[in-house]
PDB file of N, CA and C in Angstrom:
ATOM      1  N   MET A   1      25.048 -69.611 -32.159  1.00  0.00           N
ATOM      2  CA  MET A   1      23.823 -68.894 -31.915  1.00  0.00           C
ATOM      3  C   MET A   1      23.755 -67.637 -32.772  1.00  0.00           C
ATOM      4  N   LYS A   2      24.885 -67.003 -33.014  1.00  0.00           N
ATOM      5  CA  LYS A   2      24.911 -65.793 -33.836  1.00  0.00           C
ATOM      6  C   LYS A   2      24.451 -66.094 -35.262  1.00  0.00           C
ATOM      7  N   LYS A   3      24.707 -67.311 -35.737  1.00  0.00           N
ATOM      8  CA  LYS A   3      24.274 -67.667 -37.085  1.00  0.00           C
ATOM      9  C   LYS A   3      22.759 -67.797 -37.169  1.00  0.00           C
ATOM     10  N   LEU A   4      22.142 -68.277 -36.087  1.00  0.00           N
ATOM     11  CA  LEU A   4      20.689 -68.426 -36.081  1.00  0.00           C
ATOM     12  C   LEU A   4      19.982 -67.078 -35.979  1.00  0.00           C
ATOM     13  N   PHE A   5      20.558 -66.162 -35.203  1.00  0.00           N
ATOM     14  CA  PHE A   5      19.954 -64.859 -34.969  1.00  0.00           C
ATOM     15  C   PHE A   5      20.992 -63.766 -35.235  1.00  0.00           C
ATOM     16  N   PRO A   6      21.276 -63.468 -36.500  1.00  0.00           N
ATOM     17  CA  PRO A   6      22.366 -62.537 -36.820  1.00  0.00           C
ATOM     18  C   PRO A   6      22.137 -61.110 -36.321  1.00  0.00           C
ATOM     19  N   ASN A   7      20.882 -60.711 -36.124  1.00  0.00           N
ATOM     20  CA  ASN A   7      20.603 -59.353 -35.664  1.00  0.00           C
ATOM     21  C   ASN A   7      20.390 -59.271 -34.160  1.00  0.00           C
ATOM     22  N   ASN A   8      20.590 -60.371 -33.471  1.00  0.00           N
ATOM     23  CA  ASN A   8      20.416 -60.409 -32.030  1.00  0.00           C
ATOM     24  C   ASN A   8      21.474 -59.560 -31.347  1.00  0.00           C
ATOM     25  N   LYS A   9      21.055 -58.733 -30.413  1.00  0.00           N
ATOM     26  CA  LYS A   9      21.990 -57.900 -29.655  1.00  0.00           C
ATOM     27  C   LYS A   9      21.992 -58.383 -28.219  1.00  0.00           C
ATOM     28  N   LEU A  10      23.145 -58.304 -27.583  1.00  0.00           N
ATOM     29  CA  LEU A  10      23.283 -58.733 -26.198  1.00  0.00           C
ATOM     30  C   LEU A  10      23.745 -57.565 -25.352  1.00  0.00           C
ATOM     31  N   LEU A  11      23.309 -57.552 -24.097  1.00  0.00           N
ATOM     32  CA  LEU A  11      23.794 -56.529 -23.179  1.00  0.00           C
ATOM     33  C   LEU A  11      25.260 -56.781 -22.877  1.00  0.00           C
ATOM     34  N   SER A  12      26.000 -55.723 -22.736  1.00  0.00           N
ATOM     35  CA  SER A  12      27.420 -55.831 -22.433  1.00  0.00           C
ATOM     36  C   SER A  12      27.619 -56.414 -21.036  1.00  0.00           C
ATOM     37  N   PRO A  13      28.423 -57.461 -20.909  1.00  0.00           N
ATOM     38  CA  PRO A  13      28.667 -58.037 -19.583  1.00  0.00           C
ATOM     39  C   PRO A  13      29.556 -57.141 -18.723  1.00  0.00           C
ATOM     40  N   ASN A  14      30.167 -56.120 -19.342  1.00  0.00           N
ATOM     41  CA  ASN A  14      31.073 -55.236 -18.614  1.00  0.00           C
ATOM     42  C   ASN A  14      30.352 -54.063 -17.967  1.00  0.00           C
ATOM     43  N   LYS A  15      29.069 -53.909 -18.227  1.00  0.00           N
ATOM     44  CA  LYS A  15      28.317 -52.789 -17.662  1.00  0.00           C
ATOM     45  C   LYS A  15      27.259 -53.306 -16.700  1.00  0.00           C
ATOM     46  N   SER A  16      27.091 -52.564 -15.618  1.00  0.00           N
ATOM     47  CA  SER A  16      26.059 -52.935 -14.644  1.00  0.00           C
ATOM     48  C   SER A  16      24.697 -52.428 -15.127  1.00  0.00           C
ATOM     49  N   TYR A  17      23.659 -52.899 -14.491  1.00  0.00           N
ATOM     50  CA  TYR A  17      22.301 -52.448 -14.802  1.00  0.00           C
ATOM     51  C   TYR A  17      22.220 -50.931 -14.654  1.00  0.00           C
ATOM     52  N   ASP A  18      22.782 -50.410 -13.568  1.00  0.00           N
ATOM     53  CA  ASP A  18      22.721 -48.965 -13.313  1.00  0.00           C
ATOM     54  C   ASP A  18      23.452 -48.165 -14.383  1.00  0.00           C
ATOM     55  N   GLU A  19      24.574 -48.659 -14.865  1.00  0.00           N
ATOM     56  CA  GLU A  19      25.325 -47.958 -15.912  1.00  0.00           C
ATOM     57  C   GLU A  19      24.540 -47.916 -17.219  1.00  0.00           C
ATOM     58  N   ILE A  20      23.913 -49.040 -17.566  1.00  0.00           N
ATOM     59  CA  ILE A  20      23.116 -49.092 -18.790  1.00  0.00           C
ATOM     60  C   ILE A  20      21.886 -48.188 -18.656  1.00  0.00           C
ATOM     61  N   ALA A  21      21.231 -48.240 -17.496  1.00  0.00           N
ATOM     62  CA  ALA A  21      20.053 -47.398 -17.266  1.00  0.00           C
ATOM     63  C   ALA A  21      20.417 -45.918 -17.356  1.00  0.00           C
ATOM     64  N   LYS A  22      21.545 -45.540 -16.807  1.00  0.00           N
ATOM     65  CA  LYS A  22      21.978 -44.142 -16.863  1.00  0.00           C
ATOM     66  C   LYS A  22      22.237 -43.713 -18.308  1.00  0.00           C
ATOM     67  N   SER A  23      22.913 -44.565 -19.081  1.00  0.00           N
ATOM     68  CA  SER A  23      23.192 -44.199 -20.469  1.00  0.00           C
ATOM     69  C   SER A  23      21.895 -44.095 -21.280  1.00  0.00           C
ATOM     70  N   VAL A  24      20.938 -44.982 -21.018  1.00  0.00           N
ATOM     71  CA  VAL A  24      19.645 -44.934 -21.710  1.00  0.00           C
ATOM     72  C   VAL A  24      18.915 -43.643 -21.358  1.00  0.00           C
ATOM     73  N   ASN A  25      18.816 -43.327 -20.082  1.00  0.00           N
ATOM     74  CA  ASN A  25      18.068 -42.141 -19.662  1.00  0.00           C
ATOM     75  C   ASN A  25      18.756 -40.844 -20.091  1.00  0.00           C
ATOM     76  N   ASP A  26      20.078 -40.825 -20.086  1.00  0.00           N
ATOM     77  CA  ASP A  26      20.808 -39.651 -20.586  1.00  0.00           C
ATOM     78  C   ASP A  26      20.526 -39.433 -22.070  1.00  0.00           C
ATOM     79  N   LYS A  27      20.523 -40.530 -22.836  1.00  0.00           N
ATOM     80  CA  LYS A  27      20.271 -40.447 -24.277  1.00  0.00           C
ATOM     81  C   LYS A  27      18.837 -39.991 -24.546  1.00  0.00           C
ATOM     82  N   LEU A  28      17.880 -40.487 -23.765  1.00  0.00           N
ATOM     83  CA  LEU A  28      16.485 -40.088 -23.954  1.00  0.00           C
ATOM     84  C   LEU A  28      16.275 -38.612 -23.618  1.00  0.00           C
ATOM     85  N   LYS A  29      16.992 -38.095 -22.634  1.00  0.00           N
ATOM     86  CA  LYS A  29      16.886 -36.672 -22.287  1.00  0.00           C
ATOM     87  C   LYS A  29      17.386 -35.791 -23.425  1.00  0.00           C
ATOM     88  N   GLN A  30      18.367 -36.276 -24.176  1.00  0.00           N
ATOM     89  CA  GLN A  30      18.938 -35.517 -25.291  1.00  0.00           C
ATOM     90  C   GLN A  30      18.059 -35.562 -26.535  1.00  0.00           C
ATOM     91  N   SER A  31      17.203 -36.564 -26.614  1.00  0.00           N
ATOM     92  CA  SER A  31      16.379 -36.764 -27.808  1.00  0.00           C
ATOM     93  C   SER A  31      15.280 -35.712 -27.906  1.00  0.00           C
ATOM     94  N   LYS A  32      15.073 -35.211 -29.109  1.00  0.00           N
ATOM     95  CA  LYS A  32      13.972 -34.283 -29.352  1.00  0.00           C
ATOM     96  C   LYS A  32      12.708 -35.046 -29.749  1.00  0.00           C
ATOM     97  N   ASN A  33      12.875 -36.325 -30.021  1.00  0.00           N
ATOM     98  CA  ASN A  33      11.773 -37.198 -30.403  1.00  0.00           C
ATOM     99  C   ASN A  33      11.113 -37.708 -29.123  1.00  0.00           C
ATOM    100  N   GLU A  34       9.870 -37.309 -28.874  1.00  0.00           N
ATOM    101  CA  GLU A  34       9.187 -37.713 -27.652  1.00  0.00           C
ATOM    102  C   GLU A  34       8.131 -38.781 -27.928  1.00  0.00           C
ATOM    103  N   THR A  35       8.461 -39.708 -28.798  1.00  0.00           N
ATOM    104  CA  THR A  35       7.552 -40.806 -29.113  1.00  0.00           C
ATOM    105  C   THR A  35       8.222 -42.122 -28.739  1.00  0.00           C
ATOM    106  N   PHE A  36       7.480 -43.211 -28.925  1.00  0.00           N
ATOM    107  CA  PHE A  36       8.078 -44.514 -28.662  1.00  0.00           C
ATOM    108  C   PHE A  36       9.178 -44.831 -29.665  1.00  0.00           C
ATOM    109  N   GLY A  37       9.184 -44.112 -30.779  1.00  0.00           N
ATOM    110  CA  GLY A  37      10.267 -44.267 -31.744  1.00  0.00           C
ATOM    111  C   GLY A  37      11.617 -43.882 -31.149  1.00  0.00           C
ATOM    112  N   ALA A  38      11.602 -42.947 -30.198  1.00  0.00           N
ATOM    113  CA  ALA A  38      12.853 -42.543 -29.531  1.00  0.00           C
ATOM    114  C   ALA A  38      13.448 -43.712 -28.751  1.00  0.00           C
ATOM    115  N   LEU A  39      12.584 -44.569 -28.237  1.00  0.00           N
ATOM    116  CA  LEU A  39      13.079 -45.733 -27.494  1.00  0.00           C
ATOM    117  C   LEU A  39      13.810 -46.693 -28.432  1.00  0.00           C
ATOM    118  N   LYS A  40      13.249 -46.921 -29.600  1.00  0.00           N
ATOM    119  CA  LYS A  40      13.906 -47.795 -30.588  1.00  0.00           C
ATOM    120  C   LYS A  40      15.204 -47.164 -31.064  1.00  0.00           C
ATOM    121  N   GLU A  41      15.180 -45.855 -31.331  1.00  0.00           N
ATOM    122  CA  GLU A  41      16.402 -45.166 -31.754  1.00  0.00           C
ATOM    123  C   GLU A  41      17.488 -45.279 -30.686  1.00  0.00           C
ATOM    124  N   THR A  42      17.101 -45.144 -29.433  1.00  0.00           N
ATOM    125  CA  THR A  42      18.063 -45.237 -28.338  1.00  0.00           C
ATOM    126  C   THR A  42      18.645 -46.641 -28.263  1.00  0.00           C
ATOM    127  N   ASP A  43      17.797 -47.658 -28.381  1.00  0.00           N
ATOM    128  CA  ASP A  43      18.297 -49.040 -28.395  1.00  0.00           C
ATOM    129  C   ASP A  43      19.302 -49.228 -29.524  1.00  0.00           C
ATOM    130  N   ASP A  44      18.966 -48.723 -30.699  1.00  0.00           N
ATOM    131  CA  ASP A  44      19.855 -48.879 -31.855  1.00  0.00           C
ATOM    132  C   ASP A  44      21.174 -48.122 -31.663  1.00  0.00           C
ATOM    133  N   GLU A  45      21.094 -46.877 -31.199  1.00  0.00           N
ATOM    134  CA  GLU A  45      22.299 -46.067 -31.037  1.00  0.00           C
ATOM    135  C   GLU A  45      23.241 -46.631 -29.972  1.00  0.00           C
ATOM    136  N   LEU A  46      22.665 -47.201 -28.916  1.00  0.00           N
ATOM    137  CA  LEU A  46      23.487 -47.758 -27.841  1.00  0.00           C
ATOM    138  C   LEU A  46      23.767 -49.246 -28.050  1.00  0.00           C
ATOM    139  N   ASN A  47      23.306 -49.777 -29.186  1.00  0.00           N
ATOM    140  CA  ASN A  47      23.485 -51.192 -29.536  1.00  0.00           C
ATOM    141  C   ASN A  47      22.931 -52.116 -28.442  1.00  0.00           C
ATOM    142  N   LEU A  48      21.709 -51.804 -28.029  1.00  0.00           N
ATOM    143  CA  LEU A  48      21.046 -52.576 -26.981  1.00  0.00           C
ATOM    144  C   LEU A  48      19.955 -53.450 -27.591  1.00  0.00           C
ATOM    145  N   PRO A  49      19.610 -54.553 -26.945  1.00  0.00           N
ATOM    146  CA  PRO A  49      18.498 -55.375 -27.425  1.00  0.00           C
ATOM    147  C   PRO A  49      17.193 -54.572 -27.449  1.00  0.00           C
ATOM    148  N   TRP A  50      16.318 -54.913 -28.371  1.00  0.00           N
ATOM    149  CA  TRP A  50      15.031 -54.253 -28.513  1.00  0.00           C
ATOM    150  C   TRP A  50      14.278 -54.306 -27.181  1.00  0.00           C
ATOM    151  N   GLY A  51      13.738 -53.174 -26.752  1.00  0.00           N
ATOM    152  CA  GLY A  51      12.942 -53.112 -25.538  1.00  0.00           C
ATOM    153  C   GLY A  51      13.714 -52.682 -24.294  1.00  0.00           C
ATOM    154  N   THR A  52      15.034 -52.617 -24.390  1.00  0.00           N
ATOM    155  CA  THR A  52      15.834 -52.243 -23.229  1.00  0.00           C
ATOM    156  C   THR A  52      15.500 -50.828 -22.778  1.00  0.00           C
ATOM    157  N   SER A  53      15.403 -49.901 -23.704  1.00  0.00           N
ATOM    158  CA  SER A  53      15.093 -48.514 -23.362  1.00  0.00           C
ATOM    159  C   SER A  53      13.688 -48.396 -22.784  1.00  0.00           C
ATOM    160  N   PHE A  54      12.753 -49.157 -23.303  1.00  0.00           N
ATOM    161  CA  PHE A  54      11.384 -49.159 -22.784  1.00  0.00           C
ATOM    162  C   PHE A  54      11.390 -49.581 -21.326  1.00  0.00           C
ATOM    163  N   GLU A  55      12.144 -50.607 -21.006  1.00  0.00           N
ATOM    164  CA  GLU A  55      12.220 -51.127 -19.642  1.00  0.00           C
ATOM    165  C   GLU A  55      12.948 -50.155 -18.716  1.00  0.00           C
ATOM    166  N   MET A  56      14.086 -49.659 -19.145  1.00  0.00           N
ATOM    167  CA  MET A  56      14.940 -48.854 -18.268  1.00  0.00           C
ATOM    168  C   MET A  56      14.491 -47.406 -18.138  1.00  0.00           C
ATOM    169  N   SER A  57      13.611 -46.955 -19.009  1.00  0.00           N
ATOM    170  CA  SER A  57      13.114 -45.587 -18.916  1.00  0.00           C
ATOM    171  C   SER A  57      11.973 -45.475 -17.915  1.00  0.00           C
ATOM    172  N   GLY A  58      11.414 -46.599 -17.509  1.00  0.00           N
ATOM    173  CA  GLY A  58      10.294 -46.591 -16.574  1.00  0.00           C
ATOM    174  C   GLY A  58       8.948 -46.763 -17.242  1.00  0.00           C
ATOM    175  N   TYR A  59       8.922 -46.738 -18.584  1.00  0.00           N
ATOM    176  CA  TYR A  59       7.647 -46.908 -19.283  1.00  0.00           C
ATOM    177  C   TYR A  59       7.022 -48.279 -19.020  1.00  0.00           C
ATOM    178  N   ALA A  60       7.831 -49.301 -18.931  1.00  0.00           N
ATOM    179  CA  ALA A  60       7.293 -50.649 -18.698  1.00  0.00           C
ATOM    180  C   ALA A  60       6.553 -50.701 -17.365  1.00  0.00           C
ATOM    181  N   ASP A  61       7.149 -50.128 -16.332  1.00  0.00           N
ATOM    182  CA  ASP A  61       6.497 -50.102 -15.011  1.00  0.00           C
ATOM    183  C   ASP A  61       5.223 -49.267 -15.047  1.00  0.00           C
ATOM    184  N   TYR A  62       5.275 -48.143 -15.746  1.00  0.00           N
ATOM    185  CA  TYR A  62       4.109 -47.265 -15.856  1.00  0.00           C
ATOM    186  C   TYR A  62       2.931 -47.996 -16.491  1.00  0.00           C
ATOM    187  N   PHE A  63       3.171 -48.626 -17.641  1.00  0.00           N
ATOM    188  CA  PHE A  63       2.078 -49.316 -18.326  1.00  0.00           C
ATOM    189  C   PHE A  63       1.619 -50.555 -17.574  1.00  0.00           C
ATOM    190  N   GLU A  64       2.517 -51.194 -16.882  1.00  0.00           N
ATOM    191  CA  GLU A  64       2.115 -52.345 -16.072  1.00  0.00           C
ATOM    192  C   GLU A  64       1.168 -51.903 -14.961  1.00  0.00           C
ATOM    193  N   SER A  65       1.448 -50.751 -14.361  1.00  0.00           N
ATOM    194  CA  SER A  65       0.581 -50.269 -13.288  1.00  0.00           C
ATOM    195  C   SER A  65      -0.795 -49.847 -13.814  1.00  0.00           C
ATOM    196  N   ILE A  66      -0.837 -49.311 -15.027  1.00  0.00           N
ATOM    197  CA  ILE A  66      -2.108 -48.885 -15.605  1.00  0.00           C
ATOM    198  C   ILE A  66      -2.964 -50.085 -15.996  1.00  0.00           C
ATOM    199  N   TYR A  67      -2.336 -51.084 -16.594  1.00  0.00           N
ATOM    200  CA  TYR A  67      -3.085 -52.216 -17.128  1.00  0.00           C
ATOM    201  C   TYR A  67      -3.037 -53.435 -16.228  1.00  0.00           C
ATOM    202  N   GLU A  68      -2.677 -53.246 -15.000  1.00  0.00           N
ATOM    203  CA  GLU A  68      -2.632 -54.354 -14.048  1.00  0.00           C
ATOM    204  C   GLU A  68      -4.056 -54.865 -13.833  1.00  0.00           C
ATOM    205  N   ASP A  69      -4.185 -56.169 -13.827  1.00  0.00           N
ATOM    206  CA  ASP A  69      -5.543 -56.717 -13.699  1.00  0.00           C
ATOM    207  C   ASP A  69      -5.947 -56.983 -12.252  1.00  0.00           C
ATOM    208  N   GLY A  70      -5.055 -56.800 -11.308  1.00  0.00           N
ATOM    209  CA  GLY A  70      -5.404 -56.941  -9.906  1.00  0.00           C
ATOM    210  C   GLY A  70      -5.464 -58.372  -9.408  1.00  0.00           C
ATOM    211  N   ASP A  71      -4.954 -59.311 -10.190  1.00  0.00           N
ATOM    212  CA  ASP A  71      -5.003 -60.713  -9.775  1.00  0.00           C
ATOM    213  C   ASP A  71      -3.809 -61.119  -8.912  1.00  0.00           C
ATOM    214  N   ASP A  72      -2.970 -60.169  -8.535  1.00  0.00           N
ATOM    215  CA  ASP A  72      -1.779 -60.510  -7.750  1.00  0.00           C
ATOM    216  C   ASP A  72      -2.167 -61.012  -6.426  1.00  0.00           C
TER     217      ASP A  72
END
């Protein structure tokens, strides 16, 4: 699988969701970049799959609540 997707990153099986979320949020607090670019930088610095920081920072939930269509 690594040959098919050489840039694919996987979450560490040795870390829990809470540990990864804490490291993401700690890194975002340290960042002076307050754009969505900071999320990509955080994913890259922590060697996380793309979008992990977006999800674990709470932005995904925020935007889901704003753009929810009410069909639930």
